[in-house]
């Protein structure tokens, strides 16, 4: 008698969802070759191909589509049953999967994620950062973290802190040879660190005055797609950078960077942890929500 594991079915659904062995392997925390071997073994046991594979694409066969359609609700019931059992755990275990974007991950890592791991060392956290919005339920995540305005309306949301702000900064050395900008348009005569978005477009710096948005298409010697690299360039006096305040707050306080145009960067919506309603969440899930609410209360009282 052939034995099948939940991991086999999870693998099929992940490839179906992502349309790629490589992306599915990343979601599942395994190598692409290991995932390919697992699917080949499952197909051999079933005696039918589940996927059409070419060098450029992966798609379900007709048998694969029927398999996914029937297995998906069955797996949902199985995992719901497991959630019910885990909700009774005295010591939380398991893995929590969180989807967010890089800046938010840096903001929540210490006060939320690492603090949770200190309190509950038997739990594992899989934190995935990506620039695009994702359906956390369809993609197998327990939680998402996004700005409040981007949280889907059918999700439960917990604000994780106060409103956030952008910060425009440069090094003191840079401003020794250049006048500080007084209005956003002054940036057009400065060297700026340009940012490339995940979709390939260049980010236009966002400002606001008396409720009216102002965008500036800056120019400069280097274009980067990661905030930590942009921070390094600004610290080296390459030009002016545009950041989330949290990424450069310590540098401003220490005098390594000088902030300008602060009156043009009003408060933004706070970050929120969000998740779908679950009838019997596992203990780890419930305790993570409790810690998020604890941080929200602390932020509100400040």
Protein backbone atom coordinates (compact mmCIF):
# COMPACT_ATOMS: atom_id res chain seq x y z
CA UNK A 1 0.00 0.00 0.00
CA UNK A 2 1.40 3.39 -1.01
CA UNK A 3 1.63 6.03 1.71
CA UNK A 4 1.12 9.68 0.88
CA UNK A 5 2.06 12.58 3.14
CA UNK A 6 0.52 16.00 3.60
CA UNK A 7 3.80 17.48 2.37
CA UNK A 8 3.21 15.85 -1.03
CA UNK A 9 -0.19 17.49 -1.36
CA UNK A 10 1.13 20.83 -0.09
CA UNK A 11 3.80 20.67 -2.78
CA UNK A 12 1.25 20.14 -5.56
CA UNK A 13 -0.89 23.04 -4.34
CA UNK A 14 2.13 25.33 -3.98
CA UNK A 15 3.25 24.71 -7.57
CA UNK A 16 -0.31 25.13 -8.83
CA UNK A 17 -0.64 28.41 -6.91
CA UNK A 18 2.72 29.87 -7.93
CA UNK A 19 3.01 28.44 -11.45
CA UNK A 20 6.69 27.77 -10.84
CA UNK A 21 8.74 25.07 -9.18
CA UNK A 22 11.30 27.64 -8.05
CA UNK A 23 8.76 29.98 -6.40
CA UNK A 24 6.93 27.05 -4.80
CA UNK A 25 10.20 25.67 -3.45
CA UNK A 26 10.95 29.03 -1.82
CA UNK A 27 7.51 29.03 -0.20
CA UNK A 28 8.01 25.51 1.08
CA UNK A 29 11.56 26.08 2.34
CA UNK A 30 13.18 23.43 0.13
CA UNK A 31 15.40 23.28 -2.93
CA UNK A 32 13.92 23.26 -6.42
CA UNK A 33 15.54 19.91 -7.18
CA UNK A 34 14.10 18.34 -4.00
CA UNK A 35 10.64 19.62 -4.89
CA UNK A 36 10.94 18.35 -8.45
CA UNK A 37 12.02 14.93 -7.19
CA UNK A 38 9.11 14.82 -4.72
CA UNK A 39 6.58 15.60 -7.46
CA UNK A 40 8.15 13.06 -9.80
CA UNK A 41 7.89 10.43 -7.05
CA UNK A 42 4.24 11.32 -6.37
CA UNK A 43 3.40 11.17 -10.08
CA UNK A 44 5.09 7.79 -10.26
CA UNK A 45 3.05 6.50 -7.33
CA UNK A 46 -0.19 7.84 -8.82
CA UNK A 47 0.65 6.62 -12.32
CA UNK A 48 -0.35 9.94 -13.88
CA UNK A 49 1.29 13.27 -14.67
CA UNK A 50 0.02 16.21 -12.64
CA UNK A 51 2.01 18.93 -14.39
CA UNK A 52 3.01 19.86 -17.92
CA UNK A 53 6.58 21.10 -17.77
CA UNK A 54 8.50 23.14 -20.33
CA UNK A 55 11.70 25.14 -19.96
CA UNK A 56 9.60 28.29 -19.53
CA UNK A 57 6.37 27.29 -17.79
CA UNK A 58 4.57 24.83 -15.56
CA UNK A 59 0.85 24.10 -15.83
CA UNK A 60 -1.56 21.53 -14.47
CA UNK A 61 -2.65 18.64 -16.63
CA UNK A 62 -6.35 17.81 -16.71
CA UNK A 63 -5.70 15.12 -14.09
CA UNK A 64 -3.74 17.66 -12.08
CA UNK A 65 -6.62 20.15 -12.13
CA UNK A 66 -9.06 17.53 -10.90
CA UNK A 67 -6.59 16.50 -8.19
CA UNK A 68 -6.15 20.08 -6.98
CA UNK A 69 -9.90 20.77 -7.03
CA UNK A 70 -10.62 17.74 -4.83
CA UNK A 71 -7.59 17.89 -2.55
CA UNK A 72 -7.85 21.60 -1.68
CA UNK A 73 -11.05 21.44 0.44
CA UNK A 74 -9.94 18.14 2.00
CA UNK A 75 -6.62 19.67 3.09
CA UNK A 76 -8.45 22.69 4.48
CA UNK A 77 -10.51 20.38 6.68
CA UNK A 78 -7.40 18.47 7.79
CA UNK A 79 -5.51 21.63 8.73
CA UNK A 80 -8.54 22.99 10.53
CA UNK A 81 -8.64 19.79 12.58
CA UNK A 82 -4.94 20.17 13.35
CA UNK A 83 -5.55 23.79 14.38
CA UNK A 84 -8.22 22.61 16.80
CA UNK A 85 -5.80 20.19 18.42
CA UNK A 86 -2.93 22.69 18.53
CA UNK A 87 -5.18 25.29 20.14
CA UNK A 88 -5.15 23.08 23.24
CA UNK A 89 -1.35 23.04 23.51
CA UNK A 90 0.13 24.19 26.78
CA UNK A 91 3.47 24.89 25.10
CA UNK A 92 3.08 26.52 21.68
CA UNK A 93 4.94 24.87 18.79
CA UNK A 94 4.90 24.90 15.02
CA UNK A 95 5.78 27.52 12.41
CA UNK A 96 4.18 30.91 11.81
CA UNK A 97 4.49 32.33 8.27
CA UNK A 98 4.40 36.11 7.89
CA UNK A 99 4.34 38.09 4.64
CA UNK A 100 5.43 41.72 4.61
CA UNK A 101 7.72 44.15 2.80
CA UNK A 102 11.34 44.88 3.69
CA UNK A 103 10.91 48.20 5.51
CA UNK A 104 8.07 46.87 7.63
CA UNK A 105 10.07 43.73 8.42
CA UNK A 106 12.85 45.88 9.84
CA UNK A 107 10.34 47.76 11.99
CA UNK A 108 8.61 44.69 13.45
CA UNK A 109 11.58 42.33 13.72
CA UNK A 110 12.84 43.31 17.16
CA UNK A 111 9.71 44.38 19.06
CA UNK A 112 7.41 41.68 17.71
CA UNK A 113 9.09 38.73 15.99
CA UNK A 114 12.27 38.39 18.06
CA UNK A 115 10.42 39.16 21.29
CA UNK A 116 7.93 36.41 20.45
CA UNK A 117 10.76 33.93 19.84
CA UNK A 118 12.34 34.86 23.17
CA UNK A 119 9.08 34.13 24.95
CA UNK A 120 8.23 30.97 23.01
CA UNK A 121 11.45 29.29 21.84
CA UNK A 122 9.67 26.16 20.56
CA UNK A 123 7.95 28.15 17.79
CA UNK A 124 9.57 28.90 14.43
CA UNK A 125 8.86 31.99 12.32
CA UNK A 126 9.17 32.14 8.53
CA UNK A 127 9.26 35.83 7.55
CA UNK A 128 8.94 36.51 3.82
CA UNK A 129 9.49 39.99 2.37
CA UNK A 130 8.28 41.03 -1.07
CA UNK A 131 7.30 44.31 -2.63
CA UNK A 132 3.98 43.23 -4.10
CA UNK A 133 0.75 42.61 -2.24
CA UNK A 134 -0.16 38.96 -1.87
CA UNK A 135 -3.22 36.97 -0.84
CA UNK A 136 -1.96 35.62 2.47
CA UNK A 137 -4.65 32.94 2.65
CA UNK A 138 -4.12 31.61 -0.87
CA UNK A 139 -0.35 31.73 -0.47
CA UNK A 140 -0.30 29.89 2.83
CA UNK A 141 0.65 32.67 5.24
CA UNK A 142 -0.68 33.05 8.77
CA UNK A 143 -0.19 36.84 8.89
CA UNK A 144 0.49 39.83 6.71
CA UNK A 145 1.98 43.20 7.63
CA UNK A 146 1.16 46.22 5.48
CA UNK A 147 0.27 49.89 5.82
CA UNK A 148 -3.23 50.30 7.20
CA UNK A 149 -4.72 51.45 3.90
CA UNK A 150 -3.51 48.31 2.10
CA UNK A 151 -5.07 45.78 4.49
CA UNK A 152 -7.89 43.82 2.77
CA UNK A 153 -11.31 44.69 4.17
CA UNK A 154 -12.12 41.10 5.13
CA UNK A 155 -9.10 40.79 7.44
CA UNK A 156 -8.72 41.46 11.16
CA UNK A 157 -6.11 44.21 11.60
CA UNK A 158 -4.02 45.33 14.56
CA UNK A 159 -2.15 48.68 14.27
CA UNK A 160 1.41 48.00 15.43
CA UNK A 161 2.53 51.49 16.27
CA UNK A 162 2.06 55.20 15.70
CA UNK A 163 1.78 56.81 12.26
CA UNK A 164 4.96 56.60 10.19
CA UNK A 165 6.80 59.25 8.20
CA UNK A 166 9.25 59.56 5.36
CA UNK A 167 12.59 61.27 5.93
CA UNK A 168 14.76 63.10 3.41
CA UNK A 169 18.38 63.06 4.56
CA UNK A 170 21.97 63.62 3.52
CA UNK A 171 25.31 63.64 5.31
CA UNK A 172 26.70 66.81 6.90
CA UNK A 173 29.62 66.57 4.46
CA UNK A 174 27.26 66.65 1.48
CA UNK A 175 25.64 69.84 2.77
CA UNK A 176 29.02 71.49 3.32
CA UNK A 177 29.22 72.00 -0.44
CA UNK A 178 25.52 72.24 -1.34
CA UNK A 179 22.68 74.41 -0.07
CA UNK A 180 19.94 72.58 1.79
CA UNK A 181 16.70 72.20 -0.21
CA UNK A 182 13.86 74.35 1.12
CA UNK A 183 11.06 73.00 -1.07
CA UNK A 184 10.81 69.66 -2.93
CA UNK A 185 11.51 71.31 -6.31
CA UNK A 186 14.99 72.23 -5.03
CA UNK A 187 15.87 68.53 -5.18
CA UNK A 188 16.07 68.80 -8.97
CA UNK A 189 19.40 70.59 -8.60
CA UNK A 190 20.81 67.98 -6.18
CA UNK A 191 22.35 64.56 -6.53
CA UNK A 192 19.75 62.10 -5.23
CA UNK A 193 19.78 58.37 -4.61
CA UNK A 194 17.12 56.99 -6.93
CA UNK A 195 15.00 53.97 -5.99
CA UNK A 196 13.82 51.23 -8.34
CA UNK A 197 10.51 49.61 -7.37
CA UNK A 198 9.87 45.84 -7.56
CA UNK A 199 7.98 46.32 -10.85
CA UNK A 200 11.03 47.99 -12.39
CA UNK A 201 9.69 51.56 -12.32
CA UNK A 202 11.63 54.40 -10.71
CA UNK A 203 10.08 55.73 -7.52
CA UNK A 204 8.97 59.35 -7.60
CA UNK A 205 9.59 60.99 -4.22
CA UNK A 206 6.30 61.71 -2.48
CA UNK A 207 5.57 64.91 -0.54
CA UNK A 208 2.52 66.78 0.67
CA UNK A 209 1.67 70.41 1.32
CA UNK A 210 -1.65 71.56 2.80
CA UNK A 211 -3.19 68.23 1.88
CA UNK A 212 -2.02 68.37 -1.74
CA UNK A 213 0.38 65.69 -3.00
CA UNK A 214 3.65 66.71 -4.62
CA UNK A 215 5.83 64.29 -6.58
CA UNK A 216 9.41 64.86 -7.65
CA UNK A 217 11.19 62.76 -10.27
CA UNK A 218 14.69 63.13 -8.86
CA UNK A 219 17.96 62.45 -10.63
CA UNK A 220 21.31 61.30 -9.34
CA UNK A 221 24.42 59.18 -9.84
CA UNK A 222 23.09 55.84 -8.63
CA UNK A 223 19.85 53.84 -8.64
CA UNK A 224 19.28 51.19 -5.97
CA UNK A 225 16.47 48.84 -5.01
CA UNK A 226 17.21 48.27 -1.32
CA UNK A 227 17.04 50.77 1.54
CA UNK A 228 20.14 49.54 3.38
CA UNK A 229 22.23 50.09 0.25
CA UNK A 230 20.74 53.56 -0.23
CA UNK A 231 21.58 54.38 3.39
CA UNK A 232 25.20 53.38 2.81
CA UNK A 233 25.39 55.62 -0.26
CA UNK A 234 23.95 58.58 1.65
CA UNK A 235 26.33 58.07 4.58
CA UNK A 236 29.18 58.16 2.03
CA UNK A 237 27.96 61.62 0.90
CA UNK A 238 26.92 60.37 -2.54
CA UNK A 239 23.70 62.37 -2.41
CA UNK A 240 20.33 62.90 -0.75
CA UNK A 241 18.16 59.89 0.12
CA UNK A 242 14.45 59.30 0.72
CA UNK A 243 13.68 56.75 3.47
CA UNK A 244 11.16 55.62 5.98
CA UNK A 245 12.03 57.54 9.14
CA UNK A 246 12.58 54.30 11.09
CA UNK A 247 15.45 53.32 8.75
CA UNK A 248 17.51 56.44 9.50
CA UNK A 249 16.23 57.63 12.89
CA UNK A 250 19.38 56.55 14.74
CA UNK A 251 21.61 58.22 12.13
CA UNK A 252 19.70 61.51 12.48
CA UNK A 253 19.88 61.41 16.27
CA UNK A 254 23.61 60.65 16.17
CA UNK A 255 24.30 63.48 13.72
CA UNK A 256 25.50 61.18 10.95
CA UNK A 257 22.67 62.41 8.74
CA UNK A 258 20.85 65.73 8.46
CA UNK A 259 17.11 65.84 7.83
CA UNK A 260 15.53 68.31 5.43
CA UNK A 261 12.02 69.03 4.12
CA UNK A 262 10.44 67.55 7.26
CA UNK A 263 7.43 69.90 6.97
CA UNK A 264 6.71 68.29 3.58
CA UNK A 265 6.52 64.73 4.96
CA UNK A 266 3.35 64.49 7.08
CA UNK A 267 2.38 61.36 9.06
CA UNK A 268 1.38 58.25 7.12
CA UNK A 269 -0.90 55.39 8.09
CA UNK A 270 0.59 52.99 10.68
CA UNK A 271 1.65 49.45 9.98
CA UNK A 272 -0.90 46.74 10.73
CA UNK A 273 -0.61 43.04 11.42
CA UNK A 274 -3.56 41.39 9.70
CA UNK A 275 -4.98 37.89 9.50
CA UNK A 276 -8.17 36.01 8.62
CA UNK A 277 -10.66 34.95 11.26
CA UNK A 278 -9.97 31.42 12.52
CA UNK A 279 -12.32 29.43 14.76
CA UNK A 280 -9.69 27.42 16.62
CA UNK A 281 -6.27 28.98 15.98
CA UNK A 282 -3.17 27.13 17.19
CA UNK A 283 -1.66 28.29 20.46
CA UNK A 284 1.30 29.89 18.67
CA UNK A 285 -1.02 31.88 16.40
CA UNK A 286 -3.16 33.06 19.32
CA UNK A 287 -0.13 34.10 21.41
CA UNK A 288 1.40 36.00 18.49
CA UNK A 289 -1.83 37.98 18.17
CA UNK A 290 -1.76 38.62 21.93
CA UNK A 291 1.77 40.03 21.70
CA UNK A 292 0.80 42.24 18.75
CA UNK A 293 -2.11 43.64 20.76
CA UNK A 294 0.23 44.19 23.71
CA UNK A 295 2.55 46.25 21.49
CA UNK A 296 -0.42 48.17 20.09
CA UNK A 297 -1.58 49.11 23.60
CA UNK A 298 1.94 50.19 24.56
CA UNK A 299 2.25 52.36 21.44
CA UNK A 300 -1.15 53.92 22.08
CA UNK A 301 -0.26 54.83 25.67
CA UNK A 302 2.93 56.65 24.67
